Amino acid sequence: MYKQDLWSYLKEQSGLGRPVVLYGTGNGADKIIAQLERIGVSPSAIFASPGFVRNRDFRGLKVEGFEDCLARYGDSMIVLMCFGSSRPEVLSYVDELRGRCEFYAPDVPVYGNNLFDLDFYNTHVDELERVRTILADEQSVRTFDDIIAARITGDVKYLKDCEVTQEEADALVSDCRGLFVDLGAYNGDTVQRYAPMLPSSDGIIAVEPDSRNMRKLKENTSDFSSVEYVQAFVSDKEETVLTGRNLGRGTSAGKGSNIELDTVTIDGITNGRPVGFIKFDVEGSELAALNGGAETIAAYKPYMNIACYHRSEDLFALPLKVLDINPDYKIYMRHTSSVPAWDTCFYVLPSV
């Protein structure tokens, strides 16, 4: 189906003398530079969004404005977006850039080392095809196909083609009875979003590892009754791990490695209570979290919203694990507004 991925295209075009220009700095740019180095390509320049240029360098390149790069390289340059965003003003600027230059949003894994390139796709095509055949509706199949295409080609148009609003995605969540378990509760945004949609909820368990986020979570959800707060990582076993301080939304075990923090399991924190809905956004630990909730999922068939963009293998490993634990589920997939293919989730609903 696919004859070339973005990385082989960049190698080809760089060999023809076309400059590769990076948009954005930070960890994402580091990862993309590492992939470019792997294929023997060096970025020619780097620019930031208006208002973020300032007087600074990144990886030996002066951080410029887009207009400076365009004036120097013209139509020959290829721009690579080096960060992810769902902010409307950023996505509007991305649309402007796409209209003025050849623009791609490479998919580099947030966690893990498996790059979703053509080799990865061909290696896992059987698992991917199996997932495609079990998806519950046409929108899910279209989303699945477009997310794969976006990851292989870096072309943002595929994300636009399958995008739905958050309200459209959340419409899949029905009136659930039982506990609402929010894994990766961040600052309370998803408690605030989902709790009013679940009037039959028997309480909320909000799990968040980062101490600063936990403070904001408690402040922002103080109006909700029956919220249990758990500061911990979610995994498949209970243990003590190392992490860092104030790492924000991307807090994960082993990152920073100077503070001890416990891990919990879904089965452990729910302790046999009926669970109605689980939201998973645990920074690449979704598969481990599913394993640690196998008894709960098998017994109560909770509705689930599972982020599937942290690791390349999430597209097939997560839905197949769900059905391995409990085959009595329907699997949907939705992507809401973001670039690259983040904010993509499986919505898992009981079959009956």
Protein backbone atom coordinates (compact mmCIF):
# COMPACT_ATOMS: atom_id res chain seq x y z
CA MET A 1 0.00 0.00 0.00
CA TYR A 2 2.75 2.43 0.99
CA LYS A 3 5.88 2.65 -1.17
CA GLN A 4 7.73 5.34 0.77
CA ASP A 5 7.68 6.89 4.22
CA LEU A 6 8.54 10.44 5.22
CA TRP A 7 12.10 9.55 6.26
CA SER A 8 13.07 7.96 2.96
CA TYR A 9 11.47 10.92 1.17
CA LEU A 10 13.50 13.40 3.23
CA LYS A 11 16.70 11.49 2.52
CA GLU A 12 15.89 11.53 -1.20
CA GLN A 13 15.01 15.23 -1.31
CA SER A 14 17.98 16.27 0.82
CA GLY A 15 20.18 14.39 -1.61
CA LEU A 16 18.74 16.61 -4.34
CA GLY A 17 19.89 19.69 -2.42
CA ARG A 18 16.62 20.70 -0.78
CA PRO A 19 17.02 22.23 2.73
CA VAL A 20 15.18 20.66 5.66
CA VAL A 21 14.00 23.32 8.11
CA LEU A 22 12.69 22.62 11.61
CA TYR A 23 9.72 24.37 13.21
CA GLY A 24 10.05 24.32 17.00
CA THR A 25 12.69 23.52 19.58
CA GLY A 26 12.86 21.28 22.65
CA ASN A 27 12.55 17.54 23.18
CA GLY A 28 10.54 17.01 20.01
CA ALA A 29 13.19 18.69 17.91
CA ASP A 30 15.88 16.57 19.59
CA LYS A 31 13.99 13.41 18.60
CA ILE A 32 13.50 14.52 15.02
CA ILE A 33 17.13 15.58 14.68
CA ALA A 34 18.11 12.10 15.92
CA GLN A 35 16.01 10.51 13.18
CA LEU A 36 17.46 12.86 10.57
CA GLU A 37 20.96 11.96 11.69
CA ARG A 38 20.03 8.29 11.31
CA ILE A 39 19.32 8.87 7.61
CA GLY A 40 22.26 11.19 7.10
CA VAL A 41 20.33 14.47 6.88
CA SER A 42 21.26 17.67 8.71
CA PRO A 43 18.70 20.44 9.28
CA SER A 44 19.57 23.67 7.51
CA ALA A 45 17.69 26.04 9.83
CA ILE A 46 15.20 26.23 12.67
CA PHE A 47 12.40 28.71 13.34
CA ALA A 48 9.86 29.37 16.09
CA SER A 49 6.33 30.70 16.17
CA PRO A 50 5.90 34.49 16.11
CA GLY A 51 6.64 35.85 19.54
CA PHE A 52 8.89 32.93 20.50
CA VAL A 53 11.95 33.65 18.34
CA ARG A 54 13.96 35.72 20.80
CA ASN A 55 17.77 35.77 20.69
CA ARG A 56 18.74 32.14 21.15
CA ASP A 57 20.30 29.10 19.53
CA PHE A 58 19.24 25.46 19.46
CA ARG A 59 21.57 22.59 18.63
CA GLY A 60 24.02 24.98 16.98
CA LEU A 61 21.36 26.69 14.86
CA LYS A 62 20.12 30.24 15.38
CA VAL A 63 16.39 30.27 16.10
CA GLU A 64 14.83 32.43 13.40
CA GLY A 65 11.42 33.48 12.15
CA PHE A 66 9.62 31.68 9.34
CA GLU A 67 9.89 34.70 7.03
CA ASP A 68 13.69 34.68 7.39
CA CYS A 69 13.87 31.03 6.36
CA LEU A 70 11.44 31.54 3.49
CA ALA A 71 13.41 34.51 2.20
CA ARG A 72 16.61 32.44 2.22
CA TYR A 73 15.34 29.14 0.83
CA GLY A 74 12.07 29.92 -0.94
CA ASP A 75 9.93 27.11 -2.31
CA SER A 76 12.75 24.58 -2.10
CA MET A 77 12.62 24.19 1.68
CA ILE A 78 10.83 21.36 3.48
CA VAL A 79 9.47 22.27 6.94
CA LEU A 80 9.15 19.70 9.74
CA MET A 81 6.99 20.47 12.78
CA CYS A 82 8.89 19.40 15.91
CA PHE A 83 6.25 19.55 18.64
CA GLY A 84 2.63 18.68 19.22
CA SER A 85 -0.27 20.99 19.90
CA SER A 86 -4.04 21.17 20.02
CA ARG A 87 -4.15 24.92 20.69
CA PRO A 88 -6.34 26.66 18.09
CA GLU A 89 -3.90 29.52 17.51
CA VAL A 90 -1.05 27.08 16.85
CA LEU A 91 -3.14 24.93 14.50
CA SER A 92 -4.24 28.07 12.65
CA TYR A 93 -0.57 28.99 12.17
CA VAL A 94 0.14 25.43 10.98
CA ASP A 95 -2.58 25.86 8.34
CA GLU A 96 -0.95 29.11 7.25
CA LEU A 97 2.45 27.44 6.95
CA ARG A 98 1.00 24.53 4.97
CA GLY A 99 -0.29 27.03 2.45
CA ARG A 100 3.14 28.62 1.98
CA CYS A 101 5.63 25.75 2.01
CA GLU A 102 5.99 21.98 1.88
CA PHE A 103 5.11 21.05 5.44
CA TYR A 104 5.13 17.79 7.44
CA ALA A 105 4.49 16.77 11.03
CA PRO A 106 6.75 13.75 11.64
CA ASP A 107 5.48 11.12 14.04
CA VAL A 108 8.18 10.25 16.54
CA PRO A 109 7.07 8.17 19.54
CA VAL A 110 6.46 10.05 22.78
CA TYR A 111 7.67 6.91 24.60
CA GLY A 112 9.56 3.86 23.44
CA ASN A 113 11.95 3.44 20.54
CA ASN A 114 9.68 2.05 17.82
CA LEU A 115 9.44 4.59 15.02
CA PHE A 116 6.22 4.22 13.01
CA ASP A 117 7.92 4.10 9.63
CA LEU A 118 7.34 1.83 6.65
CA ASP A 119 9.42 -0.99 8.16
CA PHE A 120 7.36 -0.87 11.37
CA TYR A 121 4.13 -0.88 9.38
CA ASN A 122 5.19 -3.88 7.28
CA THR A 123 6.35 -5.76 10.36
CA HIS A 124 3.01 -5.30 12.13
CA VAL A 125 0.61 -5.21 9.18
CA ASP A 126 -1.18 -8.39 10.33
CA GLU A 127 -1.93 -6.98 13.80
CA LEU A 128 -2.97 -3.64 12.31
CA GLU A 129 -5.28 -5.35 9.83
CA ARG A 130 -6.82 -7.42 12.61
CA VAL A 131 -7.64 -4.27 14.56
CA ARG A 132 -9.05 -2.61 11.46
CA THR A 133 -11.47 -5.50 10.92
CA ILE A 134 -12.85 -5.34 14.47
CA LEU A 135 -13.49 -1.59 14.60
CA ALA A 136 -17.14 -0.85 15.27
CA ASP A 137 -18.09 1.83 12.71
CA GLU A 138 -17.02 3.55 9.49
CA GLN A 139 -15.68 6.62 11.30
CA SER A 140 -13.37 4.37 13.33
CA VAL A 141 -12.04 2.65 10.21
CA ARG A 142 -11.51 5.99 8.46
CA THR A 143 -9.74 7.36 11.54
CA PHE A 144 -7.55 4.26 11.81
CA ASP A 145 -6.52 4.46 8.15
CA ASP A 146 -5.86 8.20 8.32
CA ILE A 147 -3.80 7.98 11.51
CA ILE A 148 -1.60 5.30 9.95
CA ALA A 149 -1.21 7.41 6.79
CA ALA A 150 -0.33 10.49 8.84
CA ARG A 151 2.27 8.56 10.81
CA ILE A 152 3.95 7.11 7.73
CA THR A 153 3.84 10.21 5.52
CA GLY A 154 3.82 13.07 8.03
CA ASP A 155 1.09 14.72 5.93
CA VAL A 156 -1.26 16.76 8.12
CA LYS A 157 -4.14 16.47 5.65
CA TYR A 158 -4.91 12.97 6.92
CA LEU A 159 -5.45 14.32 10.43
CA LYS A 160 -7.81 16.97 9.11
CA ASP A 161 -9.76 14.35 7.17
CA CYS A 162 -10.63 12.25 10.24
CA GLU A 163 -10.92 14.98 12.88
CA VAL A 164 -14.05 15.20 15.05
CA THR A 165 -14.95 17.53 17.89
CA GLN A 166 -14.40 16.50 21.48
CA GLU A 167 -18.16 16.56 21.97
CA GLU A 168 -18.66 14.16 19.06
CA ALA A 169 -16.04 11.80 20.47
CA ASP A 170 -17.42 11.93 24.01
CA ALA A 171 -20.92 11.18 22.73
CA LEU A 172 -19.79 7.55 22.67
CA VAL A 173 -19.76 7.55 26.46
CA SER A 174 -23.21 6.63 27.75
CA ASP A 175 -24.80 6.84 31.17
CA CYS A 176 -22.36 4.62 33.07
CA ARG A 177 -23.13 3.19 36.49
CA GLY A 178 -20.27 2.64 38.88
CA LEU A 179 -17.02 4.36 39.69
CA PHE A 180 -15.42 6.82 37.28
CA VAL A 181 -11.66 6.16 37.34
CA ASP A 182 -9.56 8.95 35.82
CA LEU A 183 -6.03 7.69 35.16
CA GLY A 184 -3.77 10.63 34.40
CA ALA A 185 -6.18 13.20 35.83
CA TYR A 186 -3.69 16.06 35.23
CA ASN A 187 -5.22 19.32 36.54
CA GLY A 188 -8.79 18.06 36.70
CA ASP A 189 -9.76 18.88 33.12
CA THR A 190 -11.16 15.44 32.35
CA VAL A 191 -12.92 15.14 35.72
CA GLN A 192 -14.61 18.42 34.87
CA ARG A 193 -15.44 17.17 31.38
CA TYR A 194 -16.73 13.71 32.14
CA ALA A 195 -18.31 13.94 35.61
CA PRO A 196 -21.35 15.94 34.39
CA MET A 197 -21.84 13.34 31.64
CA LEU A 198 -21.97 10.50 34.17
CA PRO A 199 -24.83 11.38 36.51
CA SER A 200 -25.09 7.78 37.70
CA SER A 201 -21.45 7.62 38.74
CA ASP A 202 -20.80 6.13 42.17
CA GLY A 203 -17.85 8.41 42.84
CA ILE A 204 -14.57 9.35 41.20
CA ILE A 205 -11.03 8.09 41.68
CA ALA A 206 -8.55 10.59 40.23
CA VAL A 207 -4.98 9.31 39.82
CA GLU A 208 -2.15 11.75 39.04
CA PRO A 209 1.58 11.30 39.75
CA ASP A 210 2.83 14.89 39.59
CA SER A 211 2.62 16.86 42.83
CA ARG A 212 2.02 20.25 41.21
CA ASN A 213 -0.69 18.80 38.98
CA MET A 214 -2.23 17.14 42.04
CA ARG A 215 -2.57 20.50 43.78
CA LYS A 216 -4.31 21.98 40.73
CA LEU A 217 -6.44 18.85 40.38
CA LYS A 218 -7.74 19.21 43.93
CA GLU A 219 -8.38 22.93 43.48
CA ASN A 220 -10.22 22.50 40.18
CA THR A 221 -12.41 19.62 41.36
CA SER A 222 -13.23 20.83 44.85
CA ASP A 223 -16.88 21.30 43.84
CA PHE A 224 -17.27 17.62 43.03
CA SER A 225 -18.28 15.31 45.84
CA SER A 226 -16.89 11.83 46.45
CA VAL A 227 -13.53 12.31 44.71
CA GLU A 228 -10.70 10.08 45.90
CA TYR A 229 -7.26 11.46 45.04
CA VAL A 230 -4.36 9.10 44.46
CA GLN A 231 -0.89 10.47 43.79
CA ALA A 232 0.82 7.58 42.05
CA PHE A 233 1.74 6.04 38.72
CA VAL A 234 -0.56 3.43 37.20
CA SER A 235 0.99 0.10 36.27
CA ASP A 236 0.48 -3.67 36.31
CA LYS A 237 1.95 -4.10 39.79
CA GLU A 238 2.39 -2.22 43.02
CA GLU A 239 5.94 -1.05 43.71
CA THR A 240 8.04 2.04 44.35
CA VAL A 241 9.71 3.74 41.38
CA LEU A 242 11.80 6.85 40.79
CA THR A 243 10.63 9.99 39.04
CA GLY A 244 11.42 13.70 38.86
CA ARG A 245 9.86 16.83 40.32
CA ASN A 246 7.36 19.09 38.52
CA LEU A 247 7.58 17.37 35.15
CA GLY A 248 4.08 18.48 34.19
CA ARG A 249 1.78 16.55 31.91
CA GLY A 250 4.55 14.26 30.72
CA THR A 251 5.41 12.83 34.14
CA SER A 252 6.44 9.19 33.86
CA ALA A 253 8.31 6.61 35.91
CA GLY A 254 12.08 6.90 35.58
CA LYS A 255 11.96 10.46 34.24
CA GLY A 256 14.15 12.62 36.46
CA SER A 257 14.84 9.69 38.80
CA ASN A 258 15.34 11.52 42.08
CA ILE A 259 11.97 11.15 43.87
CA GLU A 260 10.32 7.95 45.05
CA LEU A 261 6.67 7.39 44.14
CA ASP A 262 4.39 4.39 44.38
CA THR A 263 2.64 2.64 41.52
CA VAL A 264 -0.93 1.40 41.80
CA THR A 265 -3.14 -0.91 39.76
CA ILE A 266 -6.74 -0.44 38.72
CA ASP A 267 -7.69 -3.63 40.53
CA GLY A 268 -5.95 -2.39 43.67
CA ILE A 269 -7.47 1.10 43.89
CA THR A 270 -10.99 -0.02 43.00
CA ASN A 271 -10.80 -2.99 45.40
CA GLY A 272 -13.67 -4.94 43.90
CA ARG A 273 -16.08 -2.01 43.57
CA PRO A 274 -18.14 -1.88 40.36
CA VAL A 275 -16.46 0.42 37.82
CA GLY A 276 -18.47 2.19 35.13
CA PHE A 277 -15.90 4.23 33.20
CA ILE A 278 -12.10 4.40 33.00
CA LYS A 279 -10.11 7.08 31.22
CA PHE A 280 -6.51 6.11 30.39
CA ASP A 281 -3.92 8.80 29.64
CA VAL A 282 -0.87 7.55 31.50
CA GLU A 283 2.07 8.56 29.33
CA GLY A 284 2.89 5.28 27.61
CA SER A 285 1.84 2.99 30.46
CA GLU A 286 -1.60 2.24 29.02
CA LEU A 287 -0.82 -1.41 28.29
CA ALA A 288 0.53 -1.97 31.79
CA ALA A 289 -2.53 -0.23 33.22
CA LEU A 290 -4.84 -2.55 31.29
CA ASN A 291 -2.95 -5.56 32.63
CA GLY A 292 -3.29 -4.18 36.14
CA GLY A 293 -7.04 -3.83 35.67
CA ALA A 294 -7.74 -7.20 34.10
CA GLU A 295 -9.97 -8.43 36.94
CA THR A 296 -12.03 -5.22 36.95
CA ILE A 297 -12.40 -5.17 33.17
CA ALA A 298 -13.35 -8.83 33.02
CA ALA A 299 -15.90 -8.53 35.83
CA TYR A 300 -17.59 -5.16 35.18
CA LYS A 301 -17.03 -4.33 31.50
CA PRO A 302 -16.50 -0.60 32.18
CA TYR A 303 -16.66 1.89 29.35
CA MET A 304 -13.11 3.00 28.55
CA ASN A 305 -11.36 5.89 26.80
CA ILE A 306 -7.77 4.82 26.08
CA ALA A 307 -5.15 7.20 24.67
CA CYS A 308 -3.32 5.42 21.84
CA TYR A 309 -0.68 7.91 20.68
CA HIS A 310 2.15 7.56 23.19
CA ARG A 311 3.79 4.45 21.70
CA SER A 312 3.84 3.32 18.08
CA GLU A 313 2.56 -0.14 19.04
CA ASP A 314 -0.47 1.31 20.89
CA LEU A 315 -2.54 1.23 17.68
CA PHE A 316 -2.72 -2.55 17.81
CA ALA A 317 -1.46 -3.62 21.25
CA LEU A 318 -4.13 -1.78 23.26
CA PRO A 319 -7.33 -2.92 21.51
CA LEU A 320 -6.06 -6.48 21.20
CA LYS A 321 -5.26 -6.52 24.92
CA VAL A 322 -8.75 -5.27 25.76
CA LEU A 323 -10.36 -8.07 23.76
CA ASP A 324 -7.97 -10.59 25.25
CA ILE A 325 -9.14 -9.56 28.74
CA ASN A 326 -12.82 -9.37 27.81
CA PRO A 327 -14.02 -10.11 24.24
CA ASP A 328 -17.46 -8.64 24.94
CA TYR A 329 -16.55 -5.14 23.75
CA LYS A 330 -17.03 -2.86 20.75
CA ILE A 331 -13.95 -0.78 19.79
CA TYR A 332 -14.29 2.72 18.36
CA MET A 333 -11.53 5.17 17.43
CA ARG A 334 -11.68 8.97 17.36
CA HIS A 335 -9.16 11.75 16.71
CA THR A 336 -9.76 15.28 17.93
CA SER A 337 -7.98 18.42 16.77
CA SER A 338 -4.20 18.13 17.21
CA VAL A 339 -0.98 17.92 15.21
CA PRO A 340 0.71 15.46 14.94
CA ALA A 341 -1.55 12.42 15.55
CA TRP A 342 -1.99 13.04 19.27
CA ASP A 343 -5.36 13.26 21.02
CA THR A 344 -6.30 9.97 19.39
CA CYS A 345 -8.18 7.48 21.54
CA PHE A 346 -9.92 4.15 21.49
CA TYR A 347 -13.42 4.34 22.94
CA VAL A 348 -14.30 0.91 24.31
CA LEU A 349 -17.98 0.13 24.92
CA PRO A 350 -19.62 -3.02 26.25
CA SER A 351 -21.26 -5.04 23.48
CA VAL A 352 -24.51 -5.35 25.45
